[in-house]
Each structure stands twice: as C-alpha cells, then as structure tokens.
Amino acid sequence: MTCKKSFFSSEEELEKLEKKSAKRTEKKKMRPQTKDSFEETLVRLTEKQSLLTEKIEQQKITRDSPKKKKCTS
C-alpha cells in the first residue's frame, strides 16, 4: 500500500476510507437479490431494451427516407 499513501494526507484518512469500503461491501452481502427482484429487474431492462430498439429503428427510418430534392432553376 505504499502507492496509496501518496494520495492521502494521513494514515487515518486511508483507514477511514477502507472502513467505509468494508461497510459498503458488508451491506451488499446482507441484502442478496431475491428471485422476485431479479425478475422485476429483468422485466424492466427488457422493456428498456425494446424501447431503445424502437427508437433506433425510428432513427434508421428517418435517416434512410428519401430527401426532397431542391429544384434548381
């Protein structure tokens, strides 16, 4: 950890950050994702993906549509 010391002003600061990181990791372990919440997330992401796919298709249609040529006289 010699390289980390240069980024922090003191050892105390480094220890505080390490403790915070450990707490966050512990909290994540305490609340494992249930099957229901996993399925909800999957449904939400699938819906989001389909919306984005539709948007992309619309952009392709708009981009590929023939442009009106200006009449030059």
PDB file of N, CA and C in Angstrom:
ATOM      1  N   MET A   1       0.814  -1.206   0.000  1.00  0.00           N
ATOM      2  CA  MET A   1       0.000   0.000   0.000  1.00  0.00           C
ATOM      3  C   MET A   1       0.851   1.261   0.000  1.00  0.00           C
ATOM      4  N   THR A   2       2.077   1.151  -0.371  1.00  0.00           N
ATOM      5  CA  THR A   2       2.935   2.327  -0.361  1.00  0.00           C
ATOM      6  C   THR A   2       2.479   3.347  -1.390  1.00  0.00           C
ATOM      7  N   CYS A   3       1.907   2.875  -2.507  1.00  0.00           N
ATOM      8  CA  CYS A   3       1.479   3.817  -3.535  1.00  0.00           C
ATOM      9  C   CYS A   3       0.244   4.603  -3.095  1.00  0.00           C
ATOM     10  N   LYS A   4      -0.609   4.011  -2.251  1.00  0.00           N
ATOM     11  CA  LYS A   4      -1.816   4.704  -1.801  1.00  0.00           C
ATOM     12  C   LYS A   4      -1.486   5.869  -0.879  1.00  0.00           C
ATOM     13  N   LYS A   5      -0.402   5.737  -0.115  1.00  0.00           N
ATOM     14  CA  LYS A   5      -0.053   6.770   0.849  1.00  0.00           C
ATOM     15  C   LYS A   5       0.123   8.134   0.192  1.00  0.00           C
ATOM     16  N   SER A   6       0.615   8.152  -1.017  1.00  0.00           N
ATOM     17  CA  SER A   6       0.861   9.424  -1.685  1.00  0.00           C
ATOM     18  C   SER A   6      -0.438  10.169  -1.998  1.00  0.00           C
ATOM     19  N   PHE A   7      -1.560   9.435  -2.131  1.00  0.00           N
ATOM     20  CA  PHE A   7      -2.827  10.073  -2.458  1.00  0.00           C
ATOM     21  C   PHE A   7      -3.535  10.642  -1.228  1.00  0.00           C
ATOM     22  N   PHE A   8      -3.189  10.162  -0.050  1.00  0.00           N
ATOM     23  CA  PHE A   8      -3.868  10.595   1.165  1.00  0.00           C
ATOM     24  C   PHE A   8      -2.902  11.339   2.065  1.00  0.00           C
ATOM     25  N   SER A   9      -3.458  12.303   2.800  1.00  0.00           N
ATOM     26  CA  SER A   9      -2.599  13.125   3.643  1.00  0.00           C
ATOM     27  C   SER A   9      -2.162  12.390   4.903  1.00  0.00           C
ATOM     28  N   SER A  10      -2.954  11.418   5.353  1.00  0.00           N
ATOM     29  CA  SER A  10      -2.565  10.716   6.574  1.00  0.00           C
ATOM     30  C   SER A  10      -3.024   9.265   6.540  1.00  0.00           C
ATOM     31  N   GLU A  11      -2.446   8.483   7.429  1.00  0.00           N
ATOM     32  CA  GLU A  11      -2.841   7.077   7.550  1.00  0.00           C
ATOM     33  C   GLU A  11      -4.284   6.979   8.039  1.00  0.00           C
ATOM     34  N   GLU A  12      -4.683   7.922   8.916  1.00  0.00           N
ATOM     35  CA  GLU A  12      -6.053   7.917   9.448  1.00  0.00           C
ATOM     36  C   GLU A  12      -7.069   8.028   8.321  1.00  0.00           C
ATOM     37  N   GLU A  13      -6.796   8.920   7.394  1.00  0.00           N
ATOM     38  CA  GLU A  13      -7.703   9.132   6.260  1.00  0.00           C
ATOM     39  C   GLU A  13      -7.844   7.844   5.446  1.00  0.00           C
ATOM     40  N   LEU A  14      -6.735   7.193   5.222  1.00  0.00           N
ATOM     41  CA  LEU A  14      -6.728   5.942   4.467  1.00  0.00           C
ATOM     42  C   LEU A  14      -7.532   4.867   5.197  1.00  0.00           C
ATOM     43  N   GLU A  15      -7.343   4.773   6.512  1.00  0.00           N
ATOM     44  CA  GLU A  15      -8.070   3.778   7.305  1.00  0.00           C
ATOM     45  C   GLU A  15      -9.573   4.051   7.289  1.00  0.00           C
ATOM     46  N   LYS A  16      -9.969   5.322   7.369  1.00  0.00           N
ATOM     47  CA  LYS A  16     -11.392   5.678   7.331  1.00  0.00           C
ATOM     48  C   LYS A  16     -12.023   5.217   6.023  1.00  0.00           C
ATOM     49  N   LEU A  17     -11.330   5.476   4.923  1.00  0.00           N
ATOM     50  CA  LEU A  17     -11.861   5.084   3.618  1.00  0.00           C
ATOM     51  C   LEU A  17     -11.956   3.566   3.488  1.00  0.00           C
ATOM     52  N   GLU A  18     -10.966   2.868   4.030  1.00  0.00           N
ATOM     53  CA  GLU A  18     -11.006   1.405   3.974  1.00  0.00           C
ATOM     54  C   GLU A  18     -12.169   0.862   4.794  1.00  0.00           C
ATOM     55  N   LYS A  19     -12.455   1.485   5.950  1.00  0.00           N
ATOM     56  CA  LYS A  19     -13.584   1.059   6.780  1.00  0.00           C
ATOM     57  C   LYS A  19     -14.903   1.310   6.057  1.00  0.00           C
ATOM     58  N   LYS A  20     -15.025   2.471   5.406  1.00  0.00           N
ATOM     59  CA  LYS A  20     -16.244   2.784   4.652  1.00  0.00           C
ATOM     60  C   LYS A  20     -16.467   1.758   3.557  1.00  0.00           C
ATOM     61  N   SER A  21     -15.400   1.422   2.860  1.00  0.00           N
ATOM     62  CA  SER A  21     -15.481   0.451   1.778  1.00  0.00           C
ATOM     63  C   SER A  21     -15.919  -0.912   2.315  1.00  0.00           C
ATOM     64  N   ALA A  22     -15.374  -1.300   3.450  1.00  0.00           N
ATOM     65  CA  ALA A  22     -15.736  -2.583   4.057  1.00  0.00           C
ATOM     66  C   ALA A  22     -17.204  -2.590   4.464  1.00  0.00           C
ATOM     67  N   LYS A  23     -17.697  -1.464   4.998  1.00  0.00           N
ATOM     68  CA  LYS A  23     -19.109  -1.362   5.387  1.00  0.00           C
ATOM     69  C   LYS A  23     -20.010  -1.510   4.172  1.00  0.00           C
ATOM     70  N   ARG A  24     -19.657  -0.847   3.078  1.00  0.00           N
ATOM     71  CA  ARG A  24     -20.460  -0.935   1.853  1.00  0.00           C
ATOM     72  C   ARG A  24     -20.528  -2.375   1.358  1.00  0.00           C
ATOM     73  N   THR A  25     -19.384  -3.033   1.359  1.00  0.00           N
ATOM     74  CA  THR A  25     -19.328  -4.418   0.907  1.00  0.00           C
ATOM     75  C   THR A  25     -20.198  -5.290   1.801  1.00  0.00           C
ATOM     76  N   GLU A  26     -20.139  -5.048   3.099  1.00  0.00           N
ATOM     77  CA  GLU A  26     -20.929  -5.826   4.052  1.00  0.00           C
ATOM     78  C   GLU A  26     -22.422  -5.613   3.822  1.00  0.00           C
ATOM     79  N   LYS A  27     -22.831  -4.376   3.568  1.00  0.00           N
ATOM     80  CA  LYS A  27     -24.247  -4.079   3.317  1.00  0.00           C
ATOM     81  C   LYS A  27     -24.739  -4.811   2.078  1.00  0.00           C
ATOM     82  N   LYS A  28     -23.911  -4.839   1.046  1.00  0.00           N
ATOM     83  CA  LYS A  28     -24.301  -5.529  -0.185  1.00  0.00           C
ATOM     84  C   LYS A  28     -24.485  -7.019   0.070  1.00  0.00           C
ATOM     85  N   LYS A  29     -23.623  -7.597   0.906  1.00  0.00           N
ATOM     86  CA  LYS A  29     -23.725  -9.019   1.217  1.00  0.00           C
ATOM     87  C   LYS A  29     -24.988  -9.311   2.022  1.00  0.00           C
ATOM     88  N   MET A  30     -25.395  -8.372   2.867  1.00  0.00           N
ATOM     89  CA  MET A  30     -26.545  -8.579   3.743  1.00  0.00           C
ATOM     90  C   MET A  30     -27.861  -8.599   2.978  1.00  0.00           C
ATOM     91  N   ARG A  31     -27.934  -7.933   1.851  1.00  0.00           N
ATOM     92  CA  ARG A  31     -29.196  -7.892   1.109  1.00  0.00           C
ATOM     93  C   ARG A  31     -29.037  -8.572  -0.250  1.00  0.00           C
ATOM     94  N   PRO A  32     -29.036  -9.909  -0.233  1.00  0.00           N
ATOM     95  CA  PRO A  32     -28.924 -10.613  -1.511  1.00  0.00           C
ATOM     96  C   PRO A  32     -30.178 -10.397  -2.345  1.00  0.00           C
ATOM     97  N   GLN A  33     -30.023 -10.420  -3.627  1.00  0.00           N
ATOM     98  CA  GLN A  33     -31.146 -10.156  -4.518  1.00  0.00           C
ATOM     99  C   GLN A  33     -32.069 -11.372  -4.539  1.00  0.00           C
ATOM    100  N   THR A  34     -33.345 -11.113  -4.258  1.00  0.00           N
ATOM    101  CA  THR A  34     -34.308 -12.208  -4.270  1.00  0.00           C
ATOM    102  C   THR A  34     -34.693 -12.531  -5.703  1.00  0.00           C
ATOM    103  N   LYS A  35     -35.325 -13.671  -5.869  1.00  0.00           N
ATOM    104  CA  LYS A  35     -35.731 -14.089  -7.205  1.00  0.00           C
ATOM    105  C   LYS A  35     -36.729 -13.094  -7.788  1.00  0.00           C
ATOM    106  N   ASP A  36     -37.652 -12.597  -6.925  1.00  0.00           N
ATOM    107  CA  ASP A  36     -38.666 -11.644  -7.388  1.00  0.00           C
ATOM    108  C   ASP A  36     -38.028 -10.355  -7.887  1.00  0.00           C
ATOM    109  N   SER A  37     -37.110  -9.807  -7.089  1.00  0.00           N
ATOM    110  CA  SER A  37     -36.490  -8.548  -7.501  1.00  0.00           C
ATOM    111  C   SER A  37     -35.636  -8.756  -8.747  1.00  0.00           C
ATOM    112  N   PHE A  38     -35.049  -9.938  -8.878  1.00  0.00           N
ATOM    113  CA  PHE A  38     -34.265 -10.239 -10.072  1.00  0.00           C
ATOM    114  C   PHE A  38     -35.169 -10.240 -11.298  1.00  0.00           C
ATOM    115  N   GLU A  39     -36.331 -10.882 -11.168  1.00  0.00           N
ATOM    116  CA  GLU A  39     -37.271 -10.940 -12.290  1.00  0.00           C
ATOM    117  C   GLU A  39     -37.796  -9.550 -12.638  1.00  0.00           C
ATOM    118  N   GLU A  40     -38.068  -8.734 -11.603  1.00  0.00           N
ATOM    119  CA  GLU A  40     -38.530  -7.362 -11.850  1.00  0.00           C
ATOM    120  C   GLU A  40     -37.472  -6.577 -12.614  1.00  0.00           C
ATOM    121  N   THR A  41     -36.235  -6.715 -12.199  1.00  0.00           N
ATOM    122  CA  THR A  41     -35.133  -6.024 -12.867  1.00  0.00           C
ATOM    123  C   THR A  41     -35.014  -6.497 -14.306  1.00  0.00           C
ATOM    124  N   LEU A  42     -35.150  -7.794 -14.501  1.00  0.00           N
ATOM    125  CA  LEU A  42     -35.059  -8.362 -15.842  1.00  0.00           C
ATOM    126  C   LEU A  42     -36.161  -7.808 -16.740  1.00  0.00           C
ATOM    127  N   VAL A  43     -37.385  -7.743 -16.222  1.00  0.00           N
ATOM    128  CA  VAL A  43     -38.514  -7.211 -16.992  1.00  0.00           C
ATOM    129  C   VAL A  43     -38.268  -5.745 -17.333  1.00  0.00           C
ATOM    130  N   ARG A  44     -37.819  -4.979 -16.335  1.00  0.00           N
ATOM    131  CA  ARG A  44     -37.579  -3.548 -16.544  1.00  0.00           C
ATOM    132  C   ARG A  44     -36.515  -3.331 -17.618  1.00  0.00           C
ATOM    133  N   LEU A  45     -35.435  -4.091 -17.533  1.00  0.00           N
ATOM    134  CA  LEU A  45     -34.359  -3.935 -18.518  1.00  0.00           C
ATOM    135  C   LEU A  45     -34.791  -4.392 -19.901  1.00  0.00           C
ATOM    136  N   THR A  46     -35.613  -5.429 -19.961  1.00  0.00           N
ATOM    137  CA  THR A  46     -36.116  -5.901 -21.251  1.00  0.00           C
ATOM    138  C   THR A  46     -36.991  -4.833 -21.896  1.00  0.00           C
ATOM    139  N   GLU A  47     -37.856  -4.205 -21.079  1.00  0.00           N
ATOM    140  CA  GLU A  47     -38.707  -3.126 -21.596  1.00  0.00           C
ATOM    141  C   GLU A  47     -37.853  -1.968 -22.093  1.00  0.00           C
ATOM    142  N   LYS A  48     -36.847  -1.627 -21.314  1.00  0.00           N
ATOM    143  CA  LYS A  48     -35.958  -0.530 -21.689  1.00  0.00           C
ATOM    144  C   LYS A  48     -35.258  -0.848 -23.009  1.00  0.00           C
ATOM    145  N   GLN A  49     -34.814  -2.086 -23.147  1.00  0.00           N
ATOM    146  CA  GLN A  49     -34.128  -2.506 -24.368  1.00  0.00           C
ATOM    147  C   GLN A  49     -35.057  -2.407 -25.568  1.00  0.00           C
ATOM    148  N   SER A  50     -36.312  -2.837 -25.405  1.00  0.00           N
ATOM    149  CA  SER A  50     -37.243  -2.785 -26.535  1.00  0.00           C
ATOM    150  C   SER A  50     -37.544  -1.340 -26.927  1.00  0.00           C
ATOM    151  N   LEU A  51     -37.654  -0.453 -25.925  1.00  0.00           N
ATOM    152  CA  LEU A  51     -37.874   0.966 -26.233  1.00  0.00           C
ATOM    153  C   LEU A  51     -36.692   1.539 -27.012  1.00  0.00           C
ATOM    154  N   LEU A  52     -35.490   1.198 -26.572  1.00  0.00           N
ATOM    155  CA  LEU A  52     -34.300   1.696 -27.265  1.00  0.00           C
ATOM    156  C   LEU A  52     -34.205   1.130 -28.675  1.00  0.00           C
ATOM    157  N   THR A  53     -34.584  -0.126 -28.836  1.00  0.00           N
ATOM    158  CA  THR A  53     -34.572  -0.742 -30.165  1.00  0.00           C
ATOM    159  C   THR A  53     -35.549  -0.026 -31.085  1.00  0.00           C
ATOM    160  N   GLU A  54     -36.745   0.277 -30.563  1.00  0.00           N
ATOM    161  CA  GLU A  54     -37.737   1.017 -31.355  1.00  0.00           C
ATOM    162  C   GLU A  54     -37.196   2.383 -31.761  1.00  0.00           C
ATOM    163  N   LYS A  55     -36.560   3.043 -30.821  1.00  0.00           N
ATOM    164  CA  LYS A  55     -36.004   4.373 -31.078  1.00  0.00           C
ATOM    165  C   LYS A  55     -34.955   4.303 -32.188  1.00  0.00           C
ATOM    166  N   ILE A  56     -34.103   3.294 -32.119  1.00  0.00           N
ATOM    167  CA  ILE A  56     -33.062   3.120 -33.135  1.00  0.00           C
ATOM    168  C   ILE A  56     -33.695   2.863 -34.493  1.00  0.00           C
ATOM    169  N   GLU A  57     -34.721   2.022 -34.528  1.00  0.00           N
ATOM    170  CA  GLU A  57     -35.415   1.728 -35.786  1.00  0.00           C
ATOM    171  C   GLU A  57     -36.016   3.004 -36.374  1.00  0.00           C
ATOM    172  N   GLN A  58     -36.630   3.826 -35.531  1.00  0.00           N
ATOM    173  CA  GLN A  58     -37.212   5.084 -35.997  1.00  0.00           C
ATOM    174  C   GLN A  58     -36.132   5.989 -36.589  1.00  0.00           C
ATOM    175  N   GLN A  59     -34.993   6.040 -35.928  1.00  0.00           N
ATOM    176  CA  GLN A  59     -33.900   6.872 -36.434  1.00  0.00           C
ATOM    177  C   GLN A  59     -33.407   6.353 -37.776  1.00  0.00           C
ATOM    178  N   LYS A  60     -33.352   5.029 -37.931  1.00  0.00           N
ATOM    179  CA  LYS A  60     -32.923   4.448 -39.206  1.00  0.00           C
ATOM    180  C   LYS A  60     -33.911   4.814 -40.304  1.00  0.00           C
ATOM    181  N   ILE A  61     -35.202   4.702 -40.003  1.00  0.00           N
ATOM    182  CA  ILE A  61     -36.237   5.028 -40.984  1.00  0.00           C
ATOM    183  C   ILE A  61     -36.129   6.495 -41.384  1.00  0.00           C
ATOM    184  N   THR A  62     -35.984   7.356 -40.396  1.00  0.00           N
ATOM    185  CA  THR A  62     -35.880   8.790 -40.663  1.00  0.00           C
ATOM    186  C   THR A  62     -34.642   9.090 -41.496  1.00  0.00           C
ATOM    187  N   ARG A  63     -33.550   8.462 -41.159  1.00  0.00           N
ATOM    188  CA  ARG A  63     -32.294   8.709 -41.859  1.00  0.00           C
ATOM    189  C   ARG A  63     -32.339   8.162 -43.283  1.00  0.00           C
ATOM    190  N   ASP A  64     -32.970   7.010 -43.461  1.00  0.00           N
ATOM    191  CA  ASP A  64     -32.988   6.357 -44.765  1.00  0.00           C
ATOM    192  C   ASP A  64     -34.081   6.880 -45.697  1.00  0.00           C
ATOM    193  N   SER A  65     -35.015   7.656 -45.163  1.00  0.00           N
ATOM    194  CA  SER A  65     -36.106   8.131 -46.014  1.00  0.00           C
ATOM    195  C   SER A  65     -35.553   9.063 -47.093  1.00  0.00           C
ATOM    196  N   PRO A  66     -36.122   8.988 -48.292  1.00  0.00           N
ATOM    197  CA  PRO A  66     -35.608   9.834 -49.379  1.00  0.00           C
ATOM    198  C   PRO A  66     -35.832  11.317 -49.071  1.00  0.00           C
ATOM    199  N   LYS A  67     -34.804  12.073 -49.281  1.00  0.00           N
ATOM    200  CA  LYS A  67     -34.897  13.508 -49.005  1.00  0.00           C
ATOM    201  C   LYS A  67     -35.447  14.214 -50.233  1.00  0.00           C
ATOM    202  N   LYS A  68     -36.195  15.257 -49.983  1.00  0.00           N
ATOM    203  CA  LYS A  68     -36.748  16.029 -51.103  1.00  0.00           C
ATOM    204  C   LYS A  68     -35.613  16.790 -51.768  1.00  0.00           C
ATOM    205  N   LYS A  69     -35.564  16.667 -53.064  1.00  0.00           N
ATOM    206  CA  LYS A  69     -34.518  17.378 -53.795  1.00  0.00           C
ATOM    207  C   LYS A  69     -34.990  18.793 -54.065  1.00  0.00           C
ATOM    208  N   LYS A  70     -34.089  19.697 -53.894  1.00  0.00           N
ATOM    209  CA  LYS A  70     -34.429  21.096 -54.162  1.00  0.00           C
ATOM    210  C   LYS A  70     -34.400  21.331 -55.665  1.00  0.00           C
ATOM    211  N   CYS A  71     -35.370  22.054 -56.122  1.00  0.00           N
ATOM    212  CA  CYS A  71     -35.416  22.368 -57.552  1.00  0.00           C
ATOM    213  C   CYS A  71     -34.430  23.490 -57.844  1.00  0.00           C
ATOM    214  N   THR A  72     -33.601  23.256 -58.821  1.00  0.00           N
ATOM    215  CA  THR A  72     -32.666  24.312 -59.217  1.00  0.00           C
ATOM    216  C   THR A  72     -33.121  24.857 -60.565  1.00  0.00           C
ATOM    217  N   SER A  73     -33.224  26.149 -60.632  1.00  0.00           N
ATOM    218  CA  SER A  73     -33.708  26.731 -61.890  1.00  0.00           C
ATOM    219  C   SER A  73     -32.626  27.486 -62.614  1.00  0.00           C
TER     220      SER A  73
END
